[in-house]
Amino acid sequence: MSVYELPRRTAHDPEDKLAILETVLRYDSVRLSTLTETLSLDTTDASDVLLELRDADLVSACPLDGEDDSIVSSLPRLRNHERTKVHRLIYN
């Protein structure tokens, strides 16, 4: 029997996560394309980070009909944290 090692998912930069959370928290809803442009993120990396943040119940992402874009919105768990404490969601 052969054993194959699964590729490890790389951890994303906590600063990218924090920047996305702060932007979404500030505006409540933001287009994914705006996030990638404003924060100078690669679209693939931004999508991967958003998946992690969605799994943590911090943001939601809803695809826009007829467009290759999504709306990223803050969820109650994110909105309940004071801005100065948002970094705790990432680093803890």
C-alpha atoms as a PDB file:
ATOM      1  CA  MET A   1       0.000   0.000   0.000  1.00  0.00           C
ATOM      2  CA  SER A   2       1.330   3.427  -0.912  1.00  0.00           C
ATOM      3  CA  VAL A   3       1.039   6.386   1.330  1.00  0.00           C
ATOM      4  CA  TYR A   4       0.741   9.798  -0.254  1.00  0.00           C
ATOM      5  CA  GLU A   5       1.284  12.946   1.651  1.00  0.00           C
ATOM      6  CA  LEU A   6      -1.422  15.499   1.084  1.00  0.00           C
ATOM      7  CA  PRO A   7      -0.177  18.964   0.219  1.00  0.00           C
ATOM      8  CA  ARG A   8      -0.302  21.242   3.213  1.00  0.00           C
ATOM      9  CA  ARG A   9      -2.301  24.367   2.955  1.00  0.00           C
ATOM     10  CA  THR A  10      -0.135  27.365   3.516  1.00  0.00           C
ATOM     11  CA  ALA A  11      -1.079  29.645   6.341  1.00  0.00           C
ATOM     12  CA  HIS A  12      -2.064  33.067   5.174  1.00  0.00           C
ATOM     13  CA  ASP A  13      -0.508  36.218   6.478  1.00  0.00           C
ATOM     14  CA  PRO A  14      -2.416  37.344   9.580  1.00  0.00           C
ATOM     15  CA  GLU A  15      -1.938  40.946   8.444  1.00  0.00           C
ATOM     16  CA  ASP A  16      -3.941  40.188   5.274  1.00  0.00           C
ATOM     17  CA  LYS A  17      -6.729  38.696   7.368  1.00  0.00           C
ATOM     18  CA  LEU A  18      -6.686  41.667   9.704  1.00  0.00           C
ATOM     19  CA  ALA A  19      -6.774  44.143   6.801  1.00  0.00           C
ATOM     20  CA  ILE A  20      -9.755  42.349   5.257  1.00  0.00           C
ATOM     21  CA  LEU A  21     -11.612  42.234   8.578  1.00  0.00           C
ATOM     22  CA  GLU A  22     -10.990  45.907   9.293  1.00  0.00           C
ATOM     23  CA  THR A  23     -12.162  46.918   5.811  1.00  0.00           C
ATOM     24  CA  VAL A  24     -15.295  44.783   5.967  1.00  0.00           C
ATOM     25  CA  LEU A  25     -16.022  46.013   9.477  1.00  0.00           C
ATOM     26  CA  ARG A  26     -15.617  49.643   8.404  1.00  0.00           C
ATOM     27  CA  TYR A  27     -17.949  49.399   5.396  1.00  0.00           C
ATOM     28  CA  ASP A  28     -20.144  46.445   6.473  1.00  0.00           C
ATOM     29  CA  SER A  29     -20.278  45.176   2.863  1.00  0.00           C
ATOM     30  CA  VAL A  30     -17.515  45.347   0.265  1.00  0.00           C
ATOM     31  CA  ARG A  31     -17.009  43.875  -3.187  1.00  0.00           C
ATOM     32  CA  LEU A  32     -14.285  41.246  -3.375  1.00  0.00           C
ATOM     33  CA  SER A  33     -12.752  43.091  -6.334  1.00  0.00           C
ATOM     34  CA  THR A  34     -12.547  46.262  -4.231  1.00  0.00           C
ATOM     35  CA  LEU A  35     -10.815  44.365  -1.434  1.00  0.00           C
ATOM     36  CA  THR A  36      -8.221  42.924  -3.772  1.00  0.00           C
ATOM     37  CA  GLU A  37      -7.541  46.297  -5.394  1.00  0.00           C
ATOM     38  CA  THR A  38      -7.512  48.340  -2.199  1.00  0.00           C
ATOM     39  CA  LEU A  39      -5.379  45.912  -0.221  1.00  0.00           C
ATOM     40  CA  SER A  40      -3.182  44.838  -3.172  1.00  0.00           C
ATOM     41  CA  LEU A  41      -4.026  41.165  -2.720  1.00  0.00           C
ATOM     42  CA  ASP A  42      -3.911  38.397  -5.279  1.00  0.00           C
ATOM     43  CA  THR A  43      -7.457  37.263  -6.102  1.00  0.00           C
ATOM     44  CA  THR A  44      -6.666  33.633  -5.290  1.00  0.00           C
ATOM     45  CA  ASP A  45      -5.066  34.521  -1.954  1.00  0.00           C
ATOM     46  CA  ALA A  46      -7.962  36.823  -1.065  1.00  0.00           C
ATOM     47  CA  SER A  47     -10.466  34.069  -1.876  1.00  0.00           C
ATOM     48  CA  ASP A  48      -8.546  31.585   0.279  1.00  0.00           C
ATOM     49  CA  VAL A  49      -8.403  34.048   3.179  1.00  0.00           C
ATOM     50  CA  LEU A  50     -12.134  34.701   2.823  1.00  0.00           C
ATOM     51  CA  LEU A  51     -12.819  30.968   3.038  1.00  0.00           C
ATOM     52  CA  GLU A  52     -10.951  30.859   6.340  1.00  0.00           C
ATOM     53  CA  LEU A  53     -12.825  33.906   7.620  1.00  0.00           C
ATOM     54  CA  ARG A  54     -16.148  32.412   6.513  1.00  0.00           C
ATOM     55  CA  ASP A  55     -15.310  29.171   8.330  1.00  0.00           C
ATOM     56  CA  ALA A  56     -14.663  31.252  11.456  1.00  0.00           C
ATOM     57  CA  ASP A  57     -18.121  32.891  11.091  1.00  0.00           C
ATOM     58  CA  LEU A  58     -16.650  36.379  10.707  1.00  0.00           C
ATOM     59  CA  VAL A  59     -17.757  37.248   7.170  1.00  0.00           C
ATOM     60  CA  SER A  60     -20.102  36.001   4.496  1.00  0.00           C
ATOM     61  CA  ALA A  61     -19.546  36.128   0.740  1.00  0.00           C
ATOM     62  CA  CYS A  62     -22.366  36.137  -1.766  1.00  0.00           C
ATOM     63  CA  PRO A  63     -21.685  35.909  -5.525  1.00  0.00           C
ATOM     64  CA  LEU A  64     -23.182  38.643  -7.680  1.00  0.00           C
ATOM     65  CA  ASP A  65     -25.478  37.455 -10.475  1.00  0.00           C
ATOM     66  CA  GLY A  66     -23.989  37.869 -13.906  1.00  0.00           C
ATOM     67  CA  GLU A  67     -20.653  39.100 -12.562  1.00  0.00           C
ATOM     68  CA  ASP A  68     -17.398  37.465 -11.614  1.00  0.00           C
ATOM     69  CA  ASP A  69     -17.438  39.162  -8.224  1.00  0.00           C
ATOM     70  CA  SER A  70     -18.855  38.721  -4.726  1.00  0.00           C
ATOM     71  CA  ILE A  71     -20.115  40.886  -1.897  1.00  0.00           C
ATOM     72  CA  VAL A  72     -18.286  40.308   1.380  1.00  0.00           C
ATOM     73  CA  SER A  73     -20.304  41.253   4.471  1.00  0.00           C
ATOM     74  CA  SER A  74     -19.540  41.293   8.173  1.00  0.00           C
ATOM     75  CA  LEU A  75     -21.318  38.806  10.391  1.00  0.00           C
ATOM     76  CA  PRO A  76     -22.484  39.453  13.988  1.00  0.00           C
ATOM     77  CA  ARG A  77     -19.414  37.744  15.480  1.00  0.00           C
ATOM     78  CA  LEU A  78     -17.197  40.320  13.769  1.00  0.00           C
ATOM     79  CA  ARG A  79     -19.465  43.294  14.462  1.00  0.00           C
ATOM     80  CA  ASN A  80     -19.581  42.456  18.177  1.00  0.00           C
ATOM     81  CA  HIS A  81     -15.844  43.046  18.573  1.00  0.00           C
ATOM     82  CA  GLU A  82     -14.471  46.477  19.161  1.00  0.00           C
ATOM     83  CA  ARG A  83     -12.086  47.626  16.464  1.00  0.00           C
ATOM     84  CA  THR A  84      -9.096  47.470  18.783  1.00  0.00           C
ATOM     85  CA  LYS A  85      -9.905  43.865  19.609  1.00  0.00           C
ATOM     86  CA  VAL A  86     -10.374  42.572  16.065  1.00  0.00           C
ATOM     87  CA  HIS A  87      -6.743  41.472  15.981  1.00  0.00           C
ATOM     88  CA  ARG A  88      -7.564  38.976  18.749  1.00  0.00           C
ATOM     89  CA  LEU A  89      -9.817  37.123  16.339  1.00  0.00           C
ATOM     90  CA  ILE A  90      -6.799  36.459  14.137  1.00  0.00           C
ATOM     91  CA  TYR A  91      -3.977  35.937  16.592  1.00  0.00           C
ATOM     92  CA  ASN A  92      -5.840  33.810  19.170  1.00  0.00           C
END
